[in-house]
Amino acid sequence: MDSNLTLTLEALASCGCVIPSEHRAGLDISLKIKKMDAGLQSLAFWGRIFTTTGKDYLLAEGCVSAKRIGRKLNFDLKYYFSQNGVQWLDLQAPLTEERYELCKQCKGPFTGDPSNKFFVIPEPPQPSEFDEMIEPALIGDKSGSSPTDEKGTTLEEEQPEPVTEDESTAPATEDEDASDEPPGVGEEAKVIEDEEVVEGEEGEEGEGEEIPKGTEVPELERLAALMKMVDEDCGVVPYNALVMTPANVLVKNTTFSGPKFIDELDSYCHLFKGYHEAPISKDLPGTWSIHAIPLQRDVIVRSLLWPGYFMYYSDTGKDYGSGYFGMGEKNKDIAFCVP
């Protein structure tokens, strides 16, 4: 949804959410032009991704429509990026769930090169609870016929065959007699042929190693997936800031008077998780922190799951906004953080 970029950056400047002045100069006009060209219902500045080369990504998110189908809210979103604050280019979101999961497995910082690709080795699929319950029973049925050892061979196969008296008293053969003679006596010494060496098995280090199978993920695809992940886990708006029309379209509430308790987590909810049905107070304890400024009647909500995401609300002007300024890394140790 639309938000005032000037007020958002001014409110979040103390949290480190800043944009270079040369990029900030043309940001307001370029976003309005892009909104008109793309025919969007709303287009707002989303955040900034820091890169290793200094060519940071400025991101924007547009909304074509937000409708309720059944009991679920469906958002038709468009993602855009820019590296100069003037020219905005489209970002293609992952087309399938498999590609989306690959983007989640990408590691390492962004490089700032749109043509860069990340090499991802897919994680093996985890067995379901049903497979974990059935597999021991199947193994027990197969092993009930005959006991097996660690190598997988049955104990009946390992038992040696009984030796009869005829075999034990049989005369030694010529080959056995020849083996008792000292070397060089009797038959000529046999020449052992050298075994052929397969190329790659011996030689330079790494020539015979198997290359792990993986998939290349473009940096721009990962960038769009990152925006989607942050929206799903964060995407915070004040309670009752949006309202549903009789046509099941989600729009901005023009009569919004602000939450009753601005410093309570119950006053804010997830936009992309059902809105009214998902207050952030139901998240894992320690995921959110809230800071109120009494004299200004401003509130800043900070995410500890995605360091760099901030949301502000001003009770004076009843305006709000959010932004993400970070490296695109999720805090996977959130369970160990002290609430």
C-alpha atoms as a PDB file:
ATOM      1  CA  MET A   1       0.000   0.000   0.000  1.00  0.00           C
ATOM      2  CA  ASP A   2       1.013   3.596  -0.612  1.00  0.00           C
ATOM      3  CA  SER A   3       2.940   5.401   2.092  1.00  0.00           C
ATOM      4  CA  ASN A   4       4.566   8.798   2.321  1.00  0.00           C
ATOM      5  CA  LEU A   5       8.222   8.211   1.437  1.00  0.00           C
ATOM      6  CA  THR A   6       9.421  11.469   3.003  1.00  0.00           C
ATOM      7  CA  LEU A   7       7.733  10.785   6.348  1.00  0.00           C
ATOM      8  CA  THR A   8       8.875   7.150   6.349  1.00  0.00           C
ATOM      9  CA  LEU A   9      12.535   7.981   5.776  1.00  0.00           C
ATOM     10  CA  GLU A  10      12.414  10.795   8.314  1.00  0.00           C
ATOM     11  CA  ALA A  11      10.874   8.558  10.987  1.00  0.00           C
ATOM     12  CA  LEU A  12      13.240   5.641  10.362  1.00  0.00           C
ATOM     13  CA  ALA A  13      16.415   7.654   9.863  1.00  0.00           C
ATOM     14  CA  SER A  14      17.466   7.046  13.481  1.00  0.00           C
ATOM     15  CA  CYS A  15      17.349   3.277  12.774  1.00  0.00           C
ATOM     16  CA  GLY A  16      19.841   3.543   9.896  1.00  0.00           C
ATOM     17  CA  CYS A  17      17.253   3.602   7.098  1.00  0.00           C
ATOM     18  CA  VAL A  18      18.860   6.182   4.817  1.00  0.00           C
ATOM     19  CA  ILE A  19      19.299   6.616   1.059  1.00  0.00           C
ATOM     20  CA  PRO A  20      22.137   8.467  -0.700  1.00  0.00           C
ATOM     21  CA  SER A  21      21.164  12.028  -1.595  1.00  0.00           C
ATOM     22  CA  GLU A  22      21.883  11.526  -5.326  1.00  0.00           C
ATOM     23  CA  HIS A  23      19.378   8.638  -5.364  1.00  0.00           C
ATOM     24  CA  ARG A  24      16.895  10.339  -3.081  1.00  0.00           C
ATOM     25  CA  ALA A  25      16.619  13.382  -5.360  1.00  0.00           C
ATOM     26  CA  GLY A  26      14.709  11.640  -8.136  1.00  0.00           C
ATOM     27  CA  LEU A  27      13.008   8.903  -6.137  1.00  0.00           C
ATOM     28  CA  ASP A  28       9.620  10.580  -5.630  1.00  0.00           C
ATOM     29  CA  ILE A  29       9.134  11.539  -9.274  1.00  0.00           C
ATOM     30  CA  SER A  30      10.435   8.248 -10.694  1.00  0.00           C
ATOM     31  CA  LEU A  31       8.049   6.179  -8.560  1.00  0.00           C
ATOM     32  CA  LYS A  32       5.043   8.232  -9.666  1.00  0.00           C
ATOM     33  CA  ILE A  33       6.013   7.854 -13.319  1.00  0.00           C
ATOM     34  CA  LYS A  34       6.507   4.105 -12.931  1.00  0.00           C
ATOM     35  CA  LYS A  35       3.126   3.778 -11.226  1.00  0.00           C
ATOM     36  CA  MET A  36       1.384   5.486 -14.126  1.00  0.00           C
ATOM     37  CA  ASP A  37       3.238   3.497 -16.786  1.00  0.00           C
ATOM     38  CA  ALA A  38       2.555   0.128 -15.128  1.00  0.00           C
ATOM     39  CA  GLY A  39      -1.083   0.923 -14.318  1.00  0.00           C
ATOM     40  CA  LEU A  40      -0.783  -0.011 -10.664  1.00  0.00           C
ATOM     41  CA  GLN A  41      -3.212   0.667  -7.873  1.00  0.00           C
ATOM     42  CA  SER A  42      -0.331   1.565  -5.562  1.00  0.00           C
ATOM     43  CA  LEU A  43       3.461   1.673  -5.722  1.00  0.00           C
ATOM     44  CA  ALA A  44       5.606   2.231  -2.635  1.00  0.00           C
ATOM     45  CA  PHE A  45       9.278   2.212  -1.819  1.00  0.00           C
ATOM     46  CA  TRP A  46      10.076  -1.171  -0.230  1.00  0.00           C
ATOM     47  CA  GLY A  47      13.690  -0.940   0.965  1.00  0.00           C
ATOM     48  CA  ARG A  48      17.368  -1.131   0.209  1.00  0.00           C
ATOM     49  CA  ILE A  49      19.607  -4.204  -0.114  1.00  0.00           C
ATOM     50  CA  PHE A  50      23.288  -3.699   0.663  1.00  0.00           C
ATOM     51  CA  THR A  51      25.771  -5.419  -1.652  1.00  0.00           C
ATOM     52  CA  THR A  52      29.461  -6.269  -1.537  1.00  0.00           C
ATOM     53  CA  THR A  53      30.356  -3.948  -4.430  1.00  0.00           C
ATOM     54  CA  GLY A  54      28.493  -0.872  -3.145  1.00  0.00           C
ATOM     55  CA  LYS A  55      25.953  -0.969  -5.994  1.00  0.00           C
ATOM     56  CA  ASP A  56      22.994  -1.355  -3.663  1.00  0.00           C
ATOM     57  CA  TYR A  57      19.537  -2.308  -4.835  1.00  0.00           C
ATOM     58  CA  LEU A  58      16.645   0.083  -4.271  1.00  0.00           C
ATOM     59  CA  LEU A  59      13.401  -1.891  -4.282  1.00  0.00           C
ATOM     60  CA  ALA A  60       9.780  -0.947  -4.839  1.00  0.00           C
ATOM     61  CA  GLU A  61       6.602  -2.979  -4.549  1.00  0.00           C
ATOM     62  CA  GLY A  62       3.435  -2.364  -6.531  1.00  0.00           C
ATOM     63  CA  CYS A  63      -0.058  -3.730  -5.997  1.00  0.00           C
ATOM     64  CA  VAL A  64      -2.429  -4.371  -8.884  1.00  0.00           C
ATOM     65  CA  SER A  65      -5.290  -5.591  -6.704  1.00  0.00           C
ATOM     66  CA  ALA A  66      -5.990  -6.958  -3.231  1.00  0.00           C
ATOM     67  CA  LYS A  67      -9.145  -9.041  -3.110  1.00  0.00           C
ATOM     68  CA  ARG A  68     -10.655 -11.581  -0.798  1.00  0.00           C
ATOM     69  CA  ILE A  69     -11.563 -14.857  -2.457  1.00  0.00           C
ATOM     70  CA  GLY A  70     -13.420 -17.082  -0.052  1.00  0.00           C
ATOM     71  CA  ARG A  71     -11.730 -16.559   3.297  1.00  0.00           C
ATOM     72  CA  LYS A  72      -8.267 -15.763   1.929  1.00  0.00           C
ATOM     73  CA  LEU A  73      -6.729 -12.480   0.830  1.00  0.00           C
ATOM     74  CA  ASN A  74      -5.056 -12.614  -2.571  1.00  0.00           C
ATOM     75  CA  PHE A  75      -2.507  -9.937  -3.530  1.00  0.00           C
ATOM     76  CA  ASP A  76      -1.407  -9.346  -7.107  1.00  0.00           C
ATOM     77  CA  LEU A  77       2.022  -7.833  -6.494  1.00  0.00           C
ATOM     78  CA  LYS A  78       4.743  -6.545  -8.794  1.00  0.00           C
ATOM     79  CA  TYR A  79       8.392  -6.098  -7.820  1.00  0.00           C
ATOM     80  CA  TYR A  80      10.851  -3.525  -9.182  1.00  0.00           C
ATOM     81  CA  PHE A  81      14.483  -2.612  -8.589  1.00  0.00           C
ATOM     82  CA  SER A  82      16.771   0.287  -9.357  1.00  0.00           C
ATOM     83  CA  GLN A  83      20.410   1.114  -8.746  1.00  0.00           C
ATOM     84  CA  ASN A  84      20.238   4.843  -9.457  1.00  0.00           C
ATOM     85  CA  GLY A  85      16.806   5.830  -8.109  1.00  0.00           C
ATOM     86  CA  VAL A  86      15.555   6.924 -11.543  1.00  0.00           C
ATOM     87  CA  GLN A  87      15.195   3.900 -13.820  1.00  0.00           C
ATOM     88  CA  TRP A  88      13.037   1.078 -12.445  1.00  0.00           C
ATOM     89  CA  LEU A  89      13.197  -2.422 -13.916  1.00  0.00           C
ATOM     90  CA  ASP A  90      10.908  -5.384 -13.377  1.00  0.00           C
ATOM     91  CA  LEU A  91      11.782  -8.296 -11.119  1.00  0.00           C
ATOM     92  CA  GLN A  92      10.478 -11.742 -12.059  1.00  0.00           C
ATOM     93  CA  ALA A  93       9.279 -13.637  -9.018  1.00  0.00           C
ATOM     94  CA  PRO A  94       9.879 -17.432  -8.851  1.00  0.00           C
ATOM     95  CA  LEU A  95       7.294 -19.139 -11.056  1.00  0.00           C
ATOM     96  CA  THR A  96       7.045 -22.385  -9.094  1.00  0.00           C
ATOM     97  CA  GLU A  97       7.297 -23.476  -5.482  1.00  0.00           C
ATOM     98  CA  GLU A  98      10.435 -25.477  -6.321  1.00  0.00           C
ATOM     99  CA  ARG A  99      12.211 -22.351  -7.547  1.00  0.00           C
ATOM    100  CA  TYR A 100      10.988 -20.455  -4.491  1.00  0.00           C
ATOM    101  CA  GLU A 101      12.474 -23.105  -2.203  1.00  0.00           C
ATOM    102  CA  LEU A 102      15.771 -22.937  -4.100  1.00  0.00           C
ATOM    103  CA  CYS A 103      15.874 -19.174  -3.553  1.00  0.00           C
ATOM    104  CA  LYS A 104      15.373 -19.751   0.163  1.00  0.00           C
ATOM    105  CA  GLN A 105      18.438 -22.024   0.219  1.00  0.00           C
ATOM    106  CA  CYS A 106      20.729 -19.407  -1.359  1.00  0.00           C
ATOM    107  CA  LYS A 107      23.539 -18.279   0.905  1.00  0.00           C
ATOM    108  CA  GLY A 108      25.912 -15.377   0.841  1.00  0.00           C
ATOM    109  CA  PRO A 109      25.501 -11.635   0.303  1.00  0.00           C
ATOM    110  CA  PHE A 110      24.284  -9.969  -2.867  1.00  0.00           C
ATOM    111  CA  THR A 111      26.974  -8.794  -5.279  1.00  0.00           C
ATOM    112  CA  GLY A 112      25.213  -5.871  -6.973  1.00  0.00           C
ATOM    113  CA  ASP A 113      25.662  -7.486 -10.403  1.00  0.00           C
ATOM    114  CA  PRO A 114      22.253  -8.283 -11.985  1.00  0.00           C
ATOM    115  CA  SER A 115      23.852 -10.971 -14.174  1.00  0.00           C
ATOM    116  CA  ASN A 116      25.326 -12.855 -11.211  1.00  0.00           C
ATOM    117  CA  LYS A 117      24.083 -16.368 -10.448  1.00  0.00           C
ATOM    118  CA  PHE A 118      24.191 -18.401  -7.243  1.00  0.00           C
ATOM    119  CA  PHE A 119      24.958 -22.125  -7.322  1.00  0.00           C
ATOM    120  CA  VAL A 120      22.561 -23.971  -5.047  1.00  0.00           C
ATOM    121  CA  ILE A 121      22.694 -27.672  -4.145  1.00  0.00           C
ATOM    122  CA  PRO A 122      19.113 -28.755  -3.351  1.00  0.00           C
ATOM    123  CA  GLU A 123      18.635 -30.289   0.055  1.00  0.00           C
ATOM    124  CA  PRO A 124      17.404 -33.913   0.075  1.00  0.00           C
ATOM    125  CA  PRO A 125      13.678 -34.228   0.774  1.00  0.00           C
ATOM    126  CA  GLN A 126      12.854 -34.939   4.382  1.00  0.00           C
ATOM    127  CA  PRO A 127      10.781 -38.096   5.050  1.00  0.00           C
ATOM    128  CA  SER A 128       7.243 -37.510   6.202  1.00  0.00           C
ATOM    129  CA  GLU A 129       5.839 -38.687   9.539  1.00  0.00           C
ATOM    130  CA  PHE A 130       3.977 -41.475   7.743  1.00  0.00           C
ATOM    131  CA  ASP A 131       7.200 -42.811   6.184  1.00  0.00           C
ATOM    132  CA  GLU A 132       8.987 -42.693   9.539  1.00  0.00           C
ATOM    133  CA  MET A 133       6.227 -44.831  11.089  1.00  0.00           C
ATOM    134  CA  ILE A 134       5.921 -47.364   8.255  1.00  0.00           C
ATOM    135  CA  GLU A 135       9.609 -47.865   7.378  1.00  0.00           C
ATOM    136  CA  PRO A 136      10.586 -49.666  10.650  1.00  0.00           C
ATOM    137  CA  ALA A 137       7.668 -52.053  10.222  1.00  0.00           C
ATOM    138  CA  LEU A 138       8.692 -52.889   6.650  1.00  0.00           C
ATOM    139  CA  ILE A 139      12.284 -53.490   7.687  1.00  0.00           C
ATOM    140  CA  GLY A 140      11.101 -55.797  10.468  1.00  0.00           C
ATOM    141  CA  ASP A 141       9.062 -57.891   8.000  1.00  0.00           C
ATOM    142  CA  LYS A 142      11.989 -58.277   5.642  1.00  0.00           C
ATOM    143  CA  SER A 143      14.428 -59.185   8.399  1.00  0.00           C
ATOM    144  CA  GLY A 144      12.079 -61.729  10.007  1.00  0.00           C
ATOM    145  CA  SER A 145      12.984 -64.499   7.541  1.00  0.00           C
ATOM    146  CA  SER A 146      16.679 -64.761   8.358  1.00  0.00           C
ATOM    147  CA  PRO A 147      18.998 -62.697  10.543  1.00  0.00           C
ATOM    148  CA  THR A 148      21.503 -60.427   8.846  1.00  0.00           C
ATOM    149  CA  ASP A 149      24.719 -58.808   9.922  1.00  0.00           C
ATOM    150  CA  GLU A 150      25.906 -55.233   9.434  1.00  0.00           C
ATOM    151  CA  LYS A 151      27.040 -55.917   5.850  1.00  0.00           C
ATOM    152  CA  GLY A 152      23.570 -57.087   4.873  1.00  0.00           C
ATOM    153  CA  THR A 153      24.451 -60.769   4.297  1.00  0.00           C
ATOM    154  CA  THR A 154      22.524 -63.510   6.055  1.00  0.00           C
ATOM    155  CA  LEU A 155      24.195 -65.575   8.712  1.00  0.00           C
ATOM    156  CA  GLU A 156      23.278 -68.765   6.873  1.00  0.00           C
ATOM    157  CA  GLU A 157      25.447 -67.725   3.938  1.00  0.00           C
ATOM    158  CA  GLU A 158      28.457 -67.159   6.196  1.00  0.00           C
ATOM    159  CA  GLN A 159      28.449 -70.671   7.673  1.00  0.00           C
ATOM    160  CA  PRO A 160      31.264 -72.748   6.077  1.00  0.00           C
ATOM    161  CA  GLU A 161      30.372 -75.971   4.297  1.00  0.00           C
ATOM    162  CA  PRO A 162      31.262 -79.190   6.199  1.00  0.00           C
ATOM    163  CA  VAL A 163      34.430 -80.934   5.007  1.00  0.00           C
ATOM    164  CA  THR A 164      34.080 -84.671   4.261  1.00  0.00           C
ATOM    165  CA  GLU A 165      36.695 -87.299   4.997  1.00  0.00           C
ATOM    166  CA  ASP A 166      37.373 -87.907   1.305  1.00  0.00           C
ATOM    167  CA  GLU A 167      38.240 -84.268   0.732  1.00  0.00           C
ATOM    168  CA  SER A 168      40.482 -84.113   3.814  1.00  0.00           C
ATOM    169  CA  THR A 169      42.468 -87.213   2.834  1.00  0.00           C
ATOM    170  CA  ALA A 170      42.675 -86.446  -0.878  1.00  0.00           C
ATOM    171  CA  PRO A 171      46.231 -86.251  -2.288  1.00  0.00           C
ATOM    172  CA  ALA A 172      47.686 -82.867  -2.978  1.00  0.00           C
ATOM    173  CA  THR A 173      47.481 -81.659  -6.558  1.00  0.00           C
ATOM    174  CA  GLU A 174      50.370 -80.617  -8.734  1.00  0.00           C
ATOM    175  CA  ASP A 175      49.643 -76.934  -8.173  1.00  0.00           C
ATOM    176  CA  GLU A 176      49.855 -77.382  -4.390  1.00  0.00           C
ATOM    177  CA  ASP A 177      53.142 -79.298  -4.726  1.00  0.00           C
ATOM    178  CA  ALA A 178      54.555 -76.554  -6.890  1.00  0.00           C
ATOM    179  CA  SER A 179      53.676 -73.929  -4.329  1.00  0.00           C
ATOM    180  CA  ASP A 180      55.841 -75.698  -1.732  1.00  0.00           C
ATOM    181  CA  GLU A 181      58.947 -75.388  -3.873  1.00  0.00           C
ATOM    182  CA  PRO A 182      61.213 -72.417  -3.381  1.00  0.00           C
ATOM    183  CA  PRO A 183      60.915 -69.508  -5.844  1.00  0.00           C
ATOM    184  CA  GLY A 184      62.826 -69.958  -9.068  1.00  0.00           C
ATOM    185  CA  VAL A 185      62.591 -73.744  -8.983  1.00  0.00           C
ATOM    186  CA  GLY A 186      60.218 -75.605 -11.225  1.00  0.00           C
ATOM    187  CA  GLU A 187      58.005 -73.422 -13.317  1.00  0.00           C
ATOM    188  CA  GLU A 188      59.223 -70.147 -14.608  1.00  0.00           C
ATOM    189  CA  ALA A 189      58.321 -67.072 -12.627  1.00  0.00           C
ATOM    190  CA  LYS A 190      55.099 -65.527 -13.829  1.00  0.00           C
ATOM    191  CA  VAL A 191      55.174 -61.954 -14.956  1.00  0.00           C
ATOM    192  CA  ILE A 192      52.458 -59.839 -13.353  1.00  0.00           C
ATOM    193  CA  GLU A 193      51.013 -57.372 -15.788  1.00  0.00           C
ATOM    194  CA  ASP A 194      50.671 -53.814 -14.653  1.00  0.00           C
ATOM    195  CA  GLU A 195      47.108 -52.748 -14.030  1.00  0.00           C
ATOM    196  CA  GLU A 196      45.791 -50.065 -16.244  1.00  0.00           C
ATOM    197  CA  VAL A 197      45.405 -46.734 -14.509  1.00  0.00           C
ATOM    198  CA  VAL A 198      42.163 -44.991 -15.271  1.00  0.00           C
ATOM    199  CA  GLU A 199      42.604 -41.364 -16.102  1.00  0.00           C
ATOM    200  CA  GLY A 200      41.268 -39.177 -13.367  1.00  0.00           C
ATOM    201  CA  GLU A 201      41.726 -41.694 -10.533  1.00  0.00           C
ATOM    202  CA  GLU A 202      45.353 -40.781 -10.030  1.00  0.00           C
ATOM    203  CA  GLY A 203      47.012 -37.579 -11.073  1.00  0.00           C
ATOM    204  CA  GLU A 204      46.322 -34.016 -10.264  1.00  0.00           C
ATOM    205  CA  GLU A 205      44.166 -33.346  -7.249  1.00  0.00           C
ATOM    206  CA  GLY A 206      40.494 -32.849  -8.032  1.00  0.00           C
ATOM    207  CA  GLU A 207      40.485 -34.424 -11.525  1.00  0.00           C
ATOM    208  CA  GLY A 208      38.613 -37.550 -10.427  1.00  0.00           C
ATOM    209  CA  GLU A 209      36.235 -35.885  -7.955  1.00  0.00           C
ATOM    210  CA  GLU A 210      32.543 -35.883  -8.714  1.00  0.00           C
ATOM    211  CA  ILE A 211      30.947 -32.496  -9.285  1.00  0.00           C
ATOM    212  CA  PRO A 212      27.909 -32.092  -7.016  1.00  0.00           C
ATOM    213  CA  LYS A 213      24.632 -31.620  -8.829  1.00  0.00           C
ATOM    214  CA  GLY A 214      23.110 -28.212  -8.312  1.00  0.00           C
ATOM    215  CA  THR A 215      21.029 -25.461  -9.857  1.00  0.00           C
ATOM    216  CA  GLU A 216      21.870 -21.900 -10.793  1.00  0.00           C
ATOM    217  CA  VAL A 217      19.664 -19.191  -9.322  1.00  0.00           C
ATOM    218  CA  PRO A 218      19.903 -15.693 -10.838  1.00  0.00           C
ATOM    219  CA  GLU A 219      20.499 -12.873  -8.399  1.00  0.00           C
ATOM    220  CA  LEU A 220      17.429 -10.969  -9.571  1.00  0.00           C
ATOM    221  CA  GLU A 221      15.200 -13.994  -8.998  1.00  0.00           C
ATOM    222  CA  ARG A 222      16.590 -14.351  -5.492  1.00  0.00           C
ATOM    223  CA  LEU A 223      15.960 -10.638  -4.960  1.00  0.00           C
ATOM    224  CA  ALA A 224      12.261 -11.009  -5.814  1.00  0.00           C
ATOM    225  CA  ALA A 225      12.005 -14.095  -3.601  1.00  0.00           C
ATOM    226  CA  LEU A 226      13.578 -12.122  -0.744  1.00  0.00           C
ATOM    227  CA  MET A 227      10.890  -9.457  -0.996  1.00  0.00           C
ATOM    228  CA  LYS A 228       8.219 -12.145  -0.892  1.00  0.00           C
ATOM    229  CA  MET A 229       9.804 -13.833   2.153  1.00  0.00           C
ATOM    230  CA  VAL A 230      10.066 -10.581   4.113  1.00  0.00           C
ATOM    231  CA  ASP A 231       6.454  -9.727   3.255  1.00  0.00           C
ATOM    232  CA  GLU A 232       5.245 -13.104   4.485  1.00  0.00           C
ATOM    233  CA  ASP A 233       7.180 -12.956   7.763  1.00  0.00           C
ATOM    234  CA  CYS A 234       6.780  -9.231   8.396  1.00  0.00           C
ATOM    235  CA  GLY A 235       4.521  -6.963   6.344  1.00  0.00           C
ATOM    236  CA  VAL A 236       3.123  -5.154   9.415  1.00  0.00           C
ATOM    237  CA  VAL A 237       0.336  -2.562   9.359  1.00  0.00           C
ATOM    238  CA  PRO A 238      -1.693  -1.002  12.203  1.00  0.00           C
ATOM    239  CA  TYR A 239      -4.920  -2.701  13.135  1.00  0.00           C
ATOM    240  CA  ASN A 240      -7.944  -1.297  11.198  1.00  0.00           C
ATOM    241  CA  ALA A 241      -5.694   0.788   8.929  1.00  0.00           C
ATOM    242  CA  LEU A 242      -7.264  -1.019   5.948  1.00  0.00           C
ATOM    243  CA  VAL A 243     -10.886  -1.899   5.347  1.00  0.00           C
ATOM    244  CA  MET A 244     -12.742  -4.357   3.121  1.00  0.00           C
ATOM    245  CA  THR A 245     -15.280  -2.926   0.662  1.00  0.00           C
ATOM    246  CA  PRO A 246     -18.550  -4.663  -0.250  1.00  0.00           C
ATOM    247  CA  ALA A 247     -16.808  -5.837  -3.429  1.00  0.00           C
ATOM    248  CA  ASN A 248     -14.241  -7.723  -1.272  1.00  0.00           C
ATOM    249  CA  VAL A 249     -11.467  -5.310  -2.203  1.00  0.00           C
ATOM    250  CA  LEU A 250      -8.973  -4.203   0.455  1.00  0.00           C
ATOM    251  CA  VAL A 251      -8.504  -0.425   0.478  1.00  0.00           C
ATOM    252  CA  LYS A 252      -7.113   2.218   2.815  1.00  0.00           C
ATOM    253  CA  ASN A 253      -9.401   3.228   5.667  1.00  0.00           C
ATOM    254  CA  THR A 254     -10.094   6.935   5.308  1.00  0.00           C
ATOM    255  CA  THR A 255     -11.673   7.113   8.790  1.00  0.00           C
ATOM    256  CA  PHE A 256      -8.730   5.448  10.520  1.00  0.00           C
ATOM    257  CA  SER A 257      -8.364   6.937  14.006  1.00  0.00           C
ATOM    258  CA  GLY A 258      -5.353   4.904  15.130  1.00  0.00           C
ATOM    259  CA  PRO A 259      -4.982   1.974  17.520  1.00  0.00           C
ATOM    260  CA  LYS A 260      -6.139   2.336  21.087  1.00  0.00           C
ATOM    261  CA  PHE A 261      -2.788   1.325  22.622  1.00  0.00           C
ATOM    262  CA  ILE A 262       0.030   2.302  20.297  1.00  0.00           C
ATOM    263  CA  ASP A 263       2.742   0.596  22.373  1.00  0.00           C
ATOM    264  CA  GLU A 264       1.091  -2.855  22.374  1.00  0.00           C
ATOM    265  CA  LEU A 265       1.894  -5.637  19.887  1.00  0.00           C
ATOM    266  CA  ASP A 266      -1.809  -6.478  19.643  1.00  0.00           C
ATOM    267  CA  SER A 267      -2.342  -3.165  17.827  1.00  0.00           C
ATOM    268  CA  TYR A 268      -0.376  -4.360  14.768  1.00  0.00           C
ATOM    269  CA  CYS A 269      -0.966  -7.315  12.467  1.00  0.00           C
ATOM    270  CA  HIS A 270       0.462  -9.147   9.442  1.00  0.00           C
ATOM    271  CA  LEU A 271      -0.971  -7.891   6.166  1.00  0.00           C
ATOM    272  CA  PHE A 272      -0.118 -11.009   4.143  1.00  0.00           C
ATOM    273  CA  LYS A 273      -1.177 -13.581   6.738  1.00  0.00           C
ATOM    274  CA  GLY A 274      -4.874 -12.841   6.975  1.00  0.00           C
ATOM    275  CA  TYR A 275      -4.691  -9.255   8.262  1.00  0.00           C
ATOM    276  CA  HIS A 276      -7.096  -9.146  11.253  1.00  0.00           C
ATOM    277  CA  GLU A 277      -6.543 -12.847  11.921  1.00  0.00           C
ATOM    278  CA  ALA A 278      -2.772 -12.537  12.423  1.00  0.00           C
ATOM    279  CA  PRO A 279      -1.649 -10.037  15.095  1.00  0.00           C
ATOM    280  CA  ILE A 280       2.099  -9.969  15.624  1.00  0.00           C
ATOM    281  CA  SER A 281       1.597 -10.707  19.335  1.00  0.00           C
ATOM    282  CA  LYS A 282       0.924 -14.347  18.353  1.00  0.00           C
ATOM    283  CA  ASP A 283       4.372 -14.750  16.803  1.00  0.00           C
ATOM    284  CA  LEU A 284       7.254 -16.463  18.533  1.00  0.00           C
ATOM    285  CA  PRO A 285       8.198 -14.522  21.701  1.00  0.00           C
ATOM    286  CA  GLY A 286      11.210 -12.336  21.049  1.00  0.00           C
ATOM    287  CA  THR A 287      10.470 -11.895  17.334  1.00  0.00           C
ATOM    288  CA  TRP A 288       9.386  -8.264  17.698  1.00  0.00           C
ATOM    289  CA  SER A 289      10.444  -5.278  19.742  1.00  0.00           C
ATOM    290  CA  ILE A 290       8.521  -2.038  20.046  1.00  0.00           C
ATOM    291  CA  HIS A 291       9.856   1.397  20.948  1.00  0.00           C
ATOM    292  CA  ALA A 292       7.581   4.328  21.765  1.00  0.00           C
ATOM    293  CA  ILE A 293       8.605   7.993  21.712  1.00  0.00           C
ATOM    294  CA  PRO A 294       6.268   9.676  24.236  1.00  0.00           C
ATOM    295  CA  LEU A 295       6.781  13.330  23.274  1.00  0.00           C
ATOM    296  CA  GLN A 296       6.249  12.729  19.560  1.00  0.00           C
ATOM    297  CA  ARG A 297       3.628   9.991  19.954  1.00  0.00           C
ATOM    298  CA  ASP A 298       5.571   7.853  17.493  1.00  0.00           C
ATOM    299  CA  VAL A 299       6.111   4.105  17.628  1.00  0.00           C
ATOM    300  CA  ILE A 300       8.778   2.039  15.891  1.00  0.00           C
ATOM    301  CA  VAL A 301       8.231  -1.709  15.554  1.00  0.00           C
ATOM    302  CA  ARG A 302      11.410  -3.671  14.872  1.00  0.00           C
ATOM    303  CA  SER A 303      11.753  -7.232  13.592  1.00  0.00           C
ATOM    304  CA  LEU A 304      14.427  -9.466  15.107  1.00  0.00           C
ATOM    305  CA  LEU A 305      13.663 -12.292  12.685  1.00  0.00           C
ATOM    306  CA  TRP A 306      14.681 -10.141   9.719  1.00  0.00           C
ATOM    307  CA  PRO A 307      17.217  -7.627  11.065  1.00  0.00           C
ATOM    308  CA  GLY A 308      16.735  -4.418   9.119  1.00  0.00           C
ATOM    309  CA  TYR A 309      12.948  -4.389   8.910  1.00  0.00           C
ATOM    310  CA  PHE A 310      11.261  -1.445  10.646  1.00  0.00           C
ATOM    311  CA  MET A 311       7.694  -0.176  10.756  1.00  0.00           C
ATOM    312  CA  TYR A 312       6.646   3.169  12.197  1.00  0.00           C
ATOM    313  CA  TYR A 313       3.331   4.686  13.229  1.00  0.00           C
ATOM    314  CA  SER A 314       2.711   8.322  14.119  1.00  0.00           C
ATOM    315  CA  ASP A 315      -0.305   8.928  16.318  1.00  0.00           C
ATOM    316  CA  THR A 316      -0.184  12.639  15.523  1.00  0.00           C
ATOM    317  CA  GLY A 317      -0.780  12.402  11.788  1.00  0.00           C
ATOM    318  CA  LYS A 318      -2.222   8.848  11.777  1.00  0.00           C
ATOM    319  CA  ASP A 319       0.332   7.874   9.117  1.00  0.00           C
ATOM    320  CA  TYR A 320       2.482   4.753   8.964  1.00  0.00           C
ATOM    321  CA  GLY A 321       5.075   3.098   6.777  1.00  0.00           C
ATOM    322  CA  SER A 322       7.718   0.390   6.726  1.00  0.00           C
ATOM    323  CA  GLY A 323      10.982  -0.473   5.068  1.00  0.00           C
ATOM    324  CA  TYR A 324      13.745  -3.069   4.953  1.00  0.00           C
ATOM    325  CA  PHE A 325      17.382  -1.989   4.954  1.00  0.00           C
ATOM    326  CA  GLY A 326      19.735  -4.943   5.275  1.00  0.00           C
ATOM    327  CA  MET A 327      21.846  -7.671   3.676  1.00  0.00           C
ATOM    328  CA  GLY A 328      18.964 -10.052   3.018  1.00  0.00           C
ATOM    329  CA  GLU A 329      19.958 -12.513   5.744  1.00  0.00           C
ATOM    330  CA  LYS A 330      17.391 -14.101   8.048  1.00  0.00           C
ATOM    331  CA  ASN A 331      18.120 -14.597  11.751  1.00  0.00           C
ATOM    332  CA  LYS A 332      17.974 -18.383  12.082  1.00  0.00           C
ATOM    333  CA  ASP A 333      18.916 -18.253  15.778  1.00  0.00           C
ATOM    334  CA  ILE A 334      15.760 -16.422  16.784  1.00  0.00           C
ATOM    335  CA  ALA A 335      14.780 -19.309  19.077  1.00  0.00           C
ATOM    336  CA  PHE A 336      17.836 -18.569  21.234  1.00  0.00           C
ATOM    337  CA  CYS A 337      17.170 -14.835  21.522  1.00  0.00           C
ATOM    338  CA  VAL A 338      16.019 -13.550  24.870  1.00  0.00           C
ATOM    339  CA  PRO A 339      12.493 -12.000  24.617  1.00  0.00           C
END
